């Protein structure tokens, strides 16, 4: 792959030049088909009443996160077929930390989600006890650990990386950010999540490490989770 003239020494572009297997166009298409199909199945389960309770609980968490988890597994399966390792996808350490911080800051300031910061001041000891209810713990693990890892594998490791191997950084980050935001099926969060997706894509591109995208994502979700706990108290 040739170096993007607008990126000036981008780590992800540089790593792609070291004979790392590249995503093919059909890989990107297959990933989007899998993701769309699983979301459609989830919507069908809800529409038919099979998933009638979208609150807290083991069953609710299974239905809430299984599309993301299965899509992430599908991406890892495709990566293995292409001869990619986890390191090729960006699961490596990188000494530069500031891009991850910048991405987190953009995520917090990009829209109404940052109100979660304000809710922290209003969480009393009684509300913290909610964090130790099993169903709430499951939701926390799903939001703060599972979702950031598997969503970043899908939207940055597959979609953004595949686009970046063909396009300059701005359009690749923008399109992957739009798809990432659309995946959450919420008009209210479309703009802030698009900006968040662009920011974490930039951090991933700048460092070559997917942790620079996972950590800001997890930090944002942690604050949203605490906001949900506050609202339920």
Foldseek 3Di string as FASTA:
>chain_A
DDDDPVPPDWPLVVLVVPPAQADDPVLLVVLVVLLVVLVVVLVVCCVVCVCVDCDFDDVNLCSVCVSLQVSLVVLVVVCVVSVHDVVNLAADDFPDQVLLVVLLVLLLPFDDLVCLVVCVVVQDPVLVVVCPDVRLVSVLCCQQPVNLVSLLCRLQSPQLRNVVVPDPLPVSQQVSQQVSLVSVVDPRCNRSSSSSSSSLNSQCRRGVHSVSNSNSSSVSSNSSSSVVSSVVD
